[in-house]
Amino acid sequence: MASLTLGSPAPDFTLDDCNGNTVSLSDLKGKKVLLYFFTSPGGGN
């Protein structure tokens, strides 16, 4: 994957929402989206 720079568009990806529906970032085009990434201590083992 190519590295991203500040201000560049986010790559499209697909995830399941809280209700189990599949949502792609491209489905939300034109809407405000907050992306929150986190990790657990110890690498999630």
PDB file of N, CA and C in Angstrom:
ATOM      1  N   MET A   1       0.841  -1.168   0.000  1.00  0.00           N
ATOM      2  CA  MET A   1       0.000   0.000   0.000  1.00  0.00           C
ATOM      3  C   MET A   1       0.889   1.235   0.000  1.00  0.00           C
ATOM      4  N   ALA A   2       0.527   2.193  -0.811  1.00  0.00           N
ATOM      5  CA  ALA A   2       1.279   3.436  -0.866  1.00  0.00           C
ATOM      6  C   ALA A   2       1.045   4.230   0.419  1.00  0.00           C
ATOM      7  N   SER A   3       2.055   4.964   0.834  1.00  0.00           N
ATOM      8  CA  SER A   3       1.885   5.766   2.047  1.00  0.00           C
ATOM      9  C   SER A   3       0.995   6.969   1.752  1.00  0.00           C
ATOM     10  N   LEU A   4       0.319   7.429   2.779  1.00  0.00           N
ATOM     11  CA  LEU A   4      -0.575   8.573   2.653  1.00  0.00           C
ATOM     12  C   LEU A   4       0.101   9.829   3.168  1.00  0.00           C
ATOM     13  N   THR A   5      -0.320  10.945   2.644  1.00  0.00           N
ATOM     14  CA  THR A   5       0.165  12.214   3.140  1.00  0.00           C
ATOM     15  C   THR A   5      -1.018  13.008   3.679  1.00  0.00           C
ATOM     16  N   LEU A   6      -0.737  13.916   4.576  1.00  0.00           N
ATOM     17  CA  LEU A   6      -1.762  14.753   5.171  1.00  0.00           C
ATOM     18  C   LEU A   6      -2.564  15.457   4.080  1.00  0.00           C
ATOM     19  N   GLY A   7      -3.863  15.340   4.141  1.00  0.00           N
ATOM     20  CA  GLY A   7      -4.739  15.987   3.177  1.00  0.00           C
ATOM     21  C   GLY A   7      -5.092  15.146   1.970  1.00  0.00           C
ATOM     22  N   SER A   8      -4.453  13.979   1.834  1.00  0.00           N
ATOM     23  CA  SER A   8      -4.775  13.117   0.695  1.00  0.00           C
ATOM     24  C   SER A   8      -6.046  12.326   0.991  1.00  0.00           C
ATOM     25  N   PRO A   9      -6.787  11.946  -0.047  1.00  0.00           N
ATOM     26  CA  PRO A   9      -8.010  11.164   0.172  1.00  0.00           C
ATOM     27  C   PRO A   9      -7.702   9.811   0.808  1.00  0.00           C
ATOM     28  N   ALA A  10      -8.589   9.365   1.676  1.00  0.00           N
ATOM     29  CA  ALA A  10      -8.437   8.049   2.298  1.00  0.00           C
ATOM     30  C   ALA A  10      -8.769   6.974   1.265  1.00  0.00           C
ATOM     31  N   PRO A  11      -8.069   5.847   1.289  1.00  0.00           N
ATOM     32  CA  PRO A  11      -8.413   4.753   0.377  1.00  0.00           C
ATOM     33  C   PRO A  11      -9.767   4.146   0.762  1.00  0.00           C
ATOM     34  N   ASP A  12     -10.490   3.646  -0.221  1.00  0.00           N
ATOM     35  CA  ASP A  12     -11.787   3.039   0.054  1.00  0.00           C
ATOM     36  C   ASP A  12     -11.593   1.727   0.808  1.00  0.00           C
ATOM     37  N   PHE A  13     -12.464   1.466   1.774  1.00  0.00           N
ATOM     38  CA  PHE A  13     -12.451   0.204   2.509  1.00  0.00           C
ATOM     39  C   PHE A  13     -13.869  -0.135   2.915  1.00  0.00           C
ATOM     40  N   THR A  14     -14.101  -1.382   3.281  1.00  0.00           N
ATOM     41  CA  THR A  14     -15.423  -1.869   3.647  1.00  0.00           C
ATOM     42  C   THR A  14     -15.356  -2.533   5.021  1.00  0.00           C
ATOM     43  N   LEU A  15     -16.331  -2.213   5.879  1.00  0.00           N
ATOM     44  CA  LEU A  15     -16.430  -2.792   7.217  1.00  0.00           C
ATOM     45  C   LEU A  15     -17.892  -3.073   7.527  1.00  0.00           C
ATOM     46  N   ASP A  16     -18.128  -3.843   8.572  1.00  0.00           N
ATOM     47  CA  ASP A  16     -19.482  -4.068   9.060  1.00  0.00           C
ATOM     48  C   ASP A  16     -19.793  -3.032  10.132  1.00  0.00           C
ATOM     49  N   ASP A  17     -21.022  -2.468  10.079  1.00  0.00           N
ATOM     50  CA  ASP A  17     -21.418  -1.514  11.109  1.00  0.00           C
ATOM     51  C   ASP A  17     -21.942  -2.258  12.340  1.00  0.00           C
ATOM     52  N   CYS A  18     -22.433  -1.520  13.316  1.00  0.00           N
ATOM     53  CA  CYS A  18     -22.905  -2.113  14.581  1.00  0.00           C
ATOM     54  C   CYS A  18     -24.078  -3.059  14.394  1.00  0.00           C
ATOM     55  N   ASN A  19     -24.798  -2.914  13.293  1.00  0.00           N
ATOM     56  CA  ASN A  19     -25.965  -3.758  13.023  1.00  0.00           C
ATOM     57  C   ASN A  19     -25.649  -4.906  12.077  1.00  0.00           C
ATOM     58  N   GLY A  20     -24.368  -5.069  11.707  1.00  0.00           N
ATOM     59  CA  GLY A  20     -23.971  -6.149  10.818  1.00  0.00           C
ATOM     60  C   GLY A  20     -24.119  -5.835   9.341  1.00  0.00           C
ATOM     61  N   ASN A  21     -24.458  -4.579   9.005  1.00  0.00           N
ATOM     62  CA  ASN A  21     -24.574  -4.179   7.605  1.00  0.00           C
ATOM     63  C   ASN A  21     -23.207  -3.802   7.060  1.00  0.00           C
ATOM     64  N   THR A  22     -22.926  -4.166   5.823  1.00  0.00           N
ATOM     65  CA  THR A  22     -21.659  -3.821   5.194  1.00  0.00           C
ATOM     66  C   THR A  22     -21.725  -2.397   4.670  1.00  0.00           C
ATOM     67  N   VAL A  23     -20.716  -1.598   5.031  1.00  0.00           N
ATOM     68  CA  VAL A  23     -20.644  -0.201   4.620  1.00  0.00           C
ATOM     69  C   VAL A  23     -19.254   0.074   4.069  1.00  0.00           C
ATOM     70  N   SER A  24     -19.202   0.732   2.917  1.00  0.00           N
ATOM     71  CA  SER A  24     -17.927   1.150   2.332  1.00  0.00           C
ATOM     72  C   SER A  24     -17.740   2.639   2.554  1.00  0.00           C
ATOM     73  N   LEU A  25     -16.505   3.068   2.658  1.00  0.00           N
ATOM     74  CA  LEU A  25     -16.235   4.486   2.796  1.00  0.00           C
ATOM     75  C   LEU A  25     -16.818   5.241   1.610  1.00  0.00           C
ATOM     76  N   SER A  26     -16.761   4.665   0.424  1.00  0.00           N
ATOM     77  CA  SER A  26     -17.304   5.327  -0.765  1.00  0.00           C
ATOM     78  C   SER A  26     -18.818   5.498  -0.688  1.00  0.00           C
ATOM     79  N   ASP A  27     -19.514   4.672   0.104  1.00  0.00           N
ATOM     80  CA  ASP A  27     -20.960   4.825   0.294  1.00  0.00           C
ATOM     81  C   ASP A  27     -21.293   6.130   1.019  1.00  0.00           C
ATOM     82  N   LEU A  28     -20.322   6.677   1.732  1.00  0.00           N
ATOM     83  CA  LEU A  28     -20.542   7.859   2.554  1.00  0.00           C
ATOM     84  C   LEU A  28     -20.023   9.130   1.894  1.00  0.00           C
ATOM     85  N   LYS A  29     -19.723   9.061   0.603  1.00  0.00           N
ATOM     86  CA  LYS A  29     -19.180  10.214  -0.112  1.00  0.00           C
ATOM     87  C   LYS A  29     -20.118  11.413   0.037  1.00  0.00           C
ATOM     88  N   GLY A  30     -19.546  12.570   0.379  1.00  0.00           N
ATOM     89  CA  GLY A  30     -20.312  13.786   0.564  1.00  0.00           C
ATOM     90  C   GLY A  30     -20.798  13.986   1.988  1.00  0.00           C
ATOM     91  N   LYS A  31     -20.577  12.988   2.851  1.00  0.00           N
ATOM     92  CA  LYS A  31     -20.981  13.096   4.254  1.00  0.00           C
ATOM     93  C   LYS A  31     -19.732  13.248   5.123  1.00  0.00           C
ATOM     94  N   LYS A  32     -19.899  13.822   6.292  1.00  0.00           N
ATOM     95  CA  LYS A  32     -18.788  13.928   7.231  1.00  0.00           C
ATOM     96  C   LYS A  32     -18.585  12.581   7.896  1.00  0.00           C
ATOM     97  N   VAL A  33     -17.335  12.144   7.959  1.00  0.00           N
ATOM     98  CA  VAL A  33     -16.999  10.832   8.516  1.00  0.00           C
ATOM     99  C   VAL A  33     -15.847  10.999   9.500  1.00  0.00           C
ATOM    100  N   LEU A  34     -16.000  10.410  10.672  1.00  0.00           N
ATOM    101  CA  LEU A  34     -14.928  10.397  11.664  1.00  0.00           C
ATOM    102  C   LEU A  34     -14.354   8.987  11.698  1.00  0.00           C
ATOM    103  N   LEU A  35     -13.062   8.869  11.445  1.00  0.00           N
ATOM    104  CA  LEU A  35     -12.382   7.574  11.511  1.00  0.00           C
ATOM    105  C   LEU A  35     -11.609   7.518  12.816  1.00  0.00           C
ATOM    106  N   TYR A  36     -11.862   6.483  13.592  1.00  0.00           N
ATOM    107  CA  TYR A  36     -11.214   6.324  14.894  1.00  0.00           C
ATOM    108  C   TYR A  36     -10.541   4.963  14.913  1.00  0.00           C
ATOM    109  N   PHE A  37      -9.225   4.959  14.935  1.00  0.00           N
ATOM    110  CA  PHE A  37      -8.448   3.727  14.958  1.00  0.00           C
ATOM    111  C   PHE A  37      -7.810   3.573  16.330  1.00  0.00           C
ATOM    112  N   PHE A  38      -7.802   2.356  16.830  1.00  0.00           N
ATOM    113  CA  PHE A  38      -7.207   2.109  18.138  1.00  0.00           C
ATOM    114  C   PHE A  38      -6.587   0.725  18.145  1.00  0.00           C
ATOM    115  N   THR A  39      -5.788   0.482  19.156  1.00  0.00           N
ATOM    116  CA  THR A  39      -5.194  -0.822  19.345  1.00  0.00           C
ATOM    117  C   THR A  39      -5.191  -1.130  20.842  1.00  0.00           C
ATOM    118  N   SER A  40      -5.118  -2.384  21.156  1.00  0.00           N
ATOM    119  CA  SER A  40      -5.039  -2.755  22.564  1.00  0.00           C
ATOM    120  C   SER A  40      -3.577  -2.976  22.947  1.00  0.00           C
ATOM    121  N   PRO A  41      -3.236  -2.760  24.211  1.00  0.00           N
ATOM    122  CA  PRO A  41      -1.864  -3.012  24.645  1.00  0.00           C
ATOM    123  C   PRO A  41      -1.474  -4.473  24.394  1.00  0.00           C
ATOM    124  N   GLY A  42      -0.252  -4.676  24.015  1.00  0.00           N
ATOM    125  CA  GLY A  42       0.228  -6.028  23.793  1.00  0.00           C
ATOM    126  C   GLY A  42      -0.088  -6.564  22.403  1.00  0.00           C
ATOM    127  N   GLY A  43      -0.537  -5.708  21.508  1.00  0.00           N
ATOM    128  CA  GLY A  43      -0.767  -6.141  20.133  1.00  0.00           C
ATOM    129  C   GLY A  43      -2.025  -6.955  19.940  1.00  0.00           C
ATOM    130  N   GLY A  44      -2.921  -6.972  20.912  1.00  0.00           N
ATOM    131  CA  GLY A  44      -4.190  -7.664  20.756  1.00  0.00           C
ATOM    132  C   GLY A  44      -4.102  -9.176  20.899  1.00  0.00           C
ATOM    133  N   ASN A  45      -3.075  -9.667  21.576  1.00  0.00           N
ATOM    134  CA  ASN A  45      -2.939 -11.109  21.771  1.00  0.00           C
ATOM    135  C   ASN A  45      -3.936 -11.637  22.756  1.00  0.00           C
TER     136      ASN A  45
END
